[in-house]
Protein backbone atom coordinates (compact mmCIF):
# COMPACT_ATOMS: atom_id res chain seq x y z
CA MET A 1 -8.82 -61.85 -26.44
CA GLU A 2 -8.02 -60.87 -22.91
CA GLN A 3 -10.70 -61.48 -20.30
CA VAL A 4 -11.17 -59.37 -17.19
CA ASN A 5 -11.63 -60.84 -13.72
CA PHE A 6 -12.07 -59.07 -10.41
CA PHE A 7 -11.08 -59.91 -6.85
CA GLU A 8 -11.67 -58.66 -3.35
CA ASN A 9 -9.07 -56.02 -2.57
CA ASN A 10 -6.22 -57.13 -0.32
CA ILE A 11 -5.48 -53.59 0.87
CA GLU A 12 -2.59 -54.66 3.13
CA GLN A 13 -0.77 -56.42 0.28
CA ALA A 14 -1.48 -53.54 -2.11
CA GLU A 15 -0.26 -50.92 0.36
CA LYS A 16 2.89 -52.90 1.10
CA ALA A 17 3.64 -53.19 -2.64
CA PHE A 18 2.91 -49.50 -3.14
CA MET A 19 5.29 -48.48 -0.34
CA SER A 20 8.02 -50.68 -1.81
CA HIS A 21 7.70 -49.12 -5.27
CA LYS A 22 7.31 -45.63 -3.80
CA LYS A 23 10.65 -46.04 -2.04
CA ILE A 24 12.38 -47.08 -5.27
CA ILE A 25 10.79 -44.31 -7.32
CA SER A 26 11.56 -41.70 -4.65
CA GLU A 27 15.25 -42.61 -4.77
CA HIS A 28 15.28 -41.74 -8.49
CA LEU A 29 12.76 -38.89 -8.40
CA PRO A 30 12.93 -37.22 -4.97
CA PHE A 31 10.91 -34.25 -6.27
CA ALA A 32 7.93 -36.40 -7.39
CA ASP A 33 4.55 -36.64 -5.71
CA ILE A 34 3.89 -40.39 -5.67
CA GLN A 35 0.29 -41.50 -5.17
CA HIS A 36 -1.31 -44.93 -4.75
CA VAL A 37 -4.27 -44.76 -7.14
CA GLY A 38 -6.68 -47.15 -8.80
CA SER A 39 -8.95 -49.70 -7.20
CA SER A 40 -6.25 -51.19 -4.98
CA ALA A 41 -6.00 -47.82 -3.18
CA ILE A 42 -9.66 -48.06 -2.12
CA PRO A 43 -10.17 -50.58 0.70
CA SER A 44 -13.52 -52.09 -0.30
CA CYS A 45 -13.25 -51.75 -4.08
CA LEU A 46 -13.08 -54.76 -6.38
CA THR A 47 -9.76 -54.93 -8.22
CA LYS A 48 -8.16 -56.76 -11.14
CA GLY A 49 -5.43 -57.73 -8.67
CA ASP A 50 -2.87 -55.15 -9.80
CA ILE A 51 -1.75 -51.86 -8.30
CA ASP A 52 -1.51 -48.46 -9.91
CA ILE A 53 0.81 -45.63 -9.00
CA GLN A 54 0.61 -42.06 -10.23
CA VAL A 55 3.91 -40.19 -10.31
CA ARG A 56 3.24 -36.44 -10.49
CA VAL A 57 6.05 -34.09 -11.54
CA PRO A 58 6.47 -30.45 -12.59
CA THR A 59 6.58 -29.77 -16.34
CA GLU A 60 10.30 -29.03 -16.37
CA LYS A 61 11.08 -32.38 -14.66
CA PHE A 62 8.96 -34.52 -16.97
CA PRO A 63 11.75 -35.56 -19.41
CA LEU A 64 14.02 -36.49 -16.50
CA ALA A 65 11.20 -38.49 -14.91
CA VAL A 66 10.54 -40.36 -18.17
CA LYS A 67 14.20 -41.38 -18.39
CA ALA A 68 14.31 -42.47 -14.75
CA LEU A 69 11.14 -44.55 -14.98
CA GLU A 70 12.35 -46.17 -18.21
CA THR A 71 15.25 -47.61 -16.21
CA LEU A 72 12.86 -49.06 -13.62
CA TYR A 73 9.86 -50.31 -15.59
CA ASP A 74 8.73 -51.36 -19.05
CA ILE A 75 7.00 -48.78 -21.23
CA ASN A 76 3.30 -49.55 -21.59
CA GLU A 77 3.25 -49.72 -25.37
CA GLY A 78 -0.55 -49.84 -25.47
CA SER A 79 -0.86 -46.44 -23.87
CA SER A 80 -0.54 -42.94 -25.25
CA LYS A 81 2.66 -40.89 -25.04
CA THR A 82 2.36 -37.13 -24.75
CA ASP A 83 4.33 -34.20 -23.38
CA ASP A 84 2.57 -34.63 -20.03
CA PHE A 85 1.77 -38.37 -19.82
CA ARG A 86 3.61 -41.69 -20.01
CA ALA A 87 2.57 -45.12 -18.79
CA PHE A 88 4.86 -47.84 -17.52
CA GLN A 89 4.28 -51.35 -16.27
CA ASP A 90 5.83 -54.30 -14.55
CA ASP A 91 3.76 -57.41 -15.17
CA SER A 92 6.33 -59.54 -13.34
CA ALA A 93 5.81 -57.65 -10.07
CA THR A 94 3.64 -59.12 -7.34
CA PRO A 95 1.05 -57.80 -7.69
CA PRO A 96 1.42 -56.56 -11.30
CA LEU A 97 2.10 -52.83 -11.50
CA GLY A 98 1.02 -49.89 -13.62
CA VAL A 99 2.73 -46.50 -13.30
CA GLN A 100 1.18 -43.35 -14.74
CA LEU A 101 3.57 -40.42 -15.01
CA THR A 102 1.79 -37.08 -15.26
CA VAL A 103 2.64 -33.41 -15.21
CA ILE A 104 1.10 -31.73 -12.17
CA ASN A 105 -2.05 -29.74 -13.05
CA SER A 106 -2.13 -31.04 -16.62
CA GLU A 107 -5.27 -32.42 -18.29
CA VAL A 108 -4.17 -35.96 -17.37
CA ASP A 109 -3.43 -35.23 -13.71
CA PHE A 110 -6.66 -36.87 -12.59
CA PHE A 111 -5.92 -40.37 -11.29
CA TRP A 112 -5.64 -39.20 -7.67
CA LYS A 113 -8.89 -37.27 -8.08
CA PHE A 114 -10.79 -40.41 -9.12
CA ARG A 115 -9.43 -42.19 -6.05
CA ASP A 116 -10.47 -39.37 -3.75
CA VAL A 117 -13.97 -39.10 -5.22
CA LEU A 118 -14.52 -42.85 -4.81
CA LEU A 119 -13.17 -42.78 -1.25
CA GLU A 120 -15.57 -39.95 -0.38
CA ASN A 121 -18.70 -41.26 -2.07
CA ASN A 122 -20.10 -44.75 -1.46
CA LYS A 123 -22.73 -44.26 -4.18
CA TYR A 124 -20.08 -43.84 -6.87
CA LEU A 125 -18.01 -46.68 -5.40
CA LYS A 126 -21.00 -49.03 -5.50
CA GLU A 127 -21.75 -47.99 -9.08
CA TYR A 128 -18.12 -48.71 -10.03
CA ASP A 129 -18.16 -52.12 -8.34
CA ASP A 130 -21.50 -52.95 -10.01
CA LEU A 131 -19.94 -52.03 -13.37
CA LYS A 132 -17.08 -54.42 -12.64
CA LYS A 133 -19.43 -57.23 -11.58
CA SER A 134 -21.40 -56.80 -14.81
CA HIS A 135 -18.17 -57.23 -16.83
CA GLU A 136 -16.75 -60.20 -14.88
CA GLY A 137 -15.28 -62.64 -17.40
CA SER A 138 -15.98 -60.37 -20.37
CA GLU A 139 -13.50 -58.96 -22.85
CA MET A 140 -11.07 -56.44 -21.38
CA ASP A 141 -11.75 -53.93 -24.16
CA ASN A 142 -15.48 -53.93 -23.38
CA TYR A 143 -14.74 -53.35 -19.70
CA ARG A 144 -12.29 -50.53 -20.48
CA GLN A 145 -14.88 -48.78 -22.66
CA ALA A 146 -17.50 -49.00 -19.89
CA LYS A 147 -14.96 -47.85 -17.30
CA ASN A 148 -14.00 -44.85 -19.43
CA LYS A 149 -17.66 -43.82 -19.70
CA PHE A 150 -18.02 -44.16 -15.94
CA PHE A 151 -14.99 -41.96 -15.29
CA GLU A 152 -16.16 -39.39 -17.84
CA LYS A 153 -19.33 -39.18 -15.76
CA ILE A 154 -17.31 -38.85 -12.54
CA MET A 155 -15.36 -35.95 -14.08
CA GLU A 156 -18.62 -34.02 -14.35
CA THR A 157 -19.53 -34.40 -10.68
CA PRO A 158 -19.22 -31.55 -8.16
CA GLU A 159 -16.92 -33.76 -6.06
CA PHE A 160 -14.43 -34.15 -8.91
CA LYS A 161 -14.58 -30.52 -9.99
CA ARG A 162 -13.89 -29.40 -6.43
CA LEU A 163 -10.48 -31.15 -6.42
């Protein structure tokens, strides 16, 4: 069973890694909107030590984007595959990388919104960090369930709905 551990965010390292991957992805998908998302995109947020990137594309470019990202990263086999979402990963990257490919304005085009809500609202950020602290060293699945509940709550906030 996989345990979850959290670290202070090294925003400089995360941003440098993001910019490096953004450059590579942009060369293959110049039409994509590439966003640094997840905890590593929020300066004071605790993180698992990885970075997350959301690649946003128009519906008609989604199949092309899937093919391009498959040449760059491993498919995240533990994640869902739909007509508007695919997940990729590179666990050998430093730091480890997750890439979420989404269709712009689809139901799953929300990763950047979570980031923006947490950047705007210290109360939500503190609640998220407290959730992480309470799951330090626990099973990853338990943490993911609690995190999903937290983000479901965030999706109901006026801040999220405004985006």
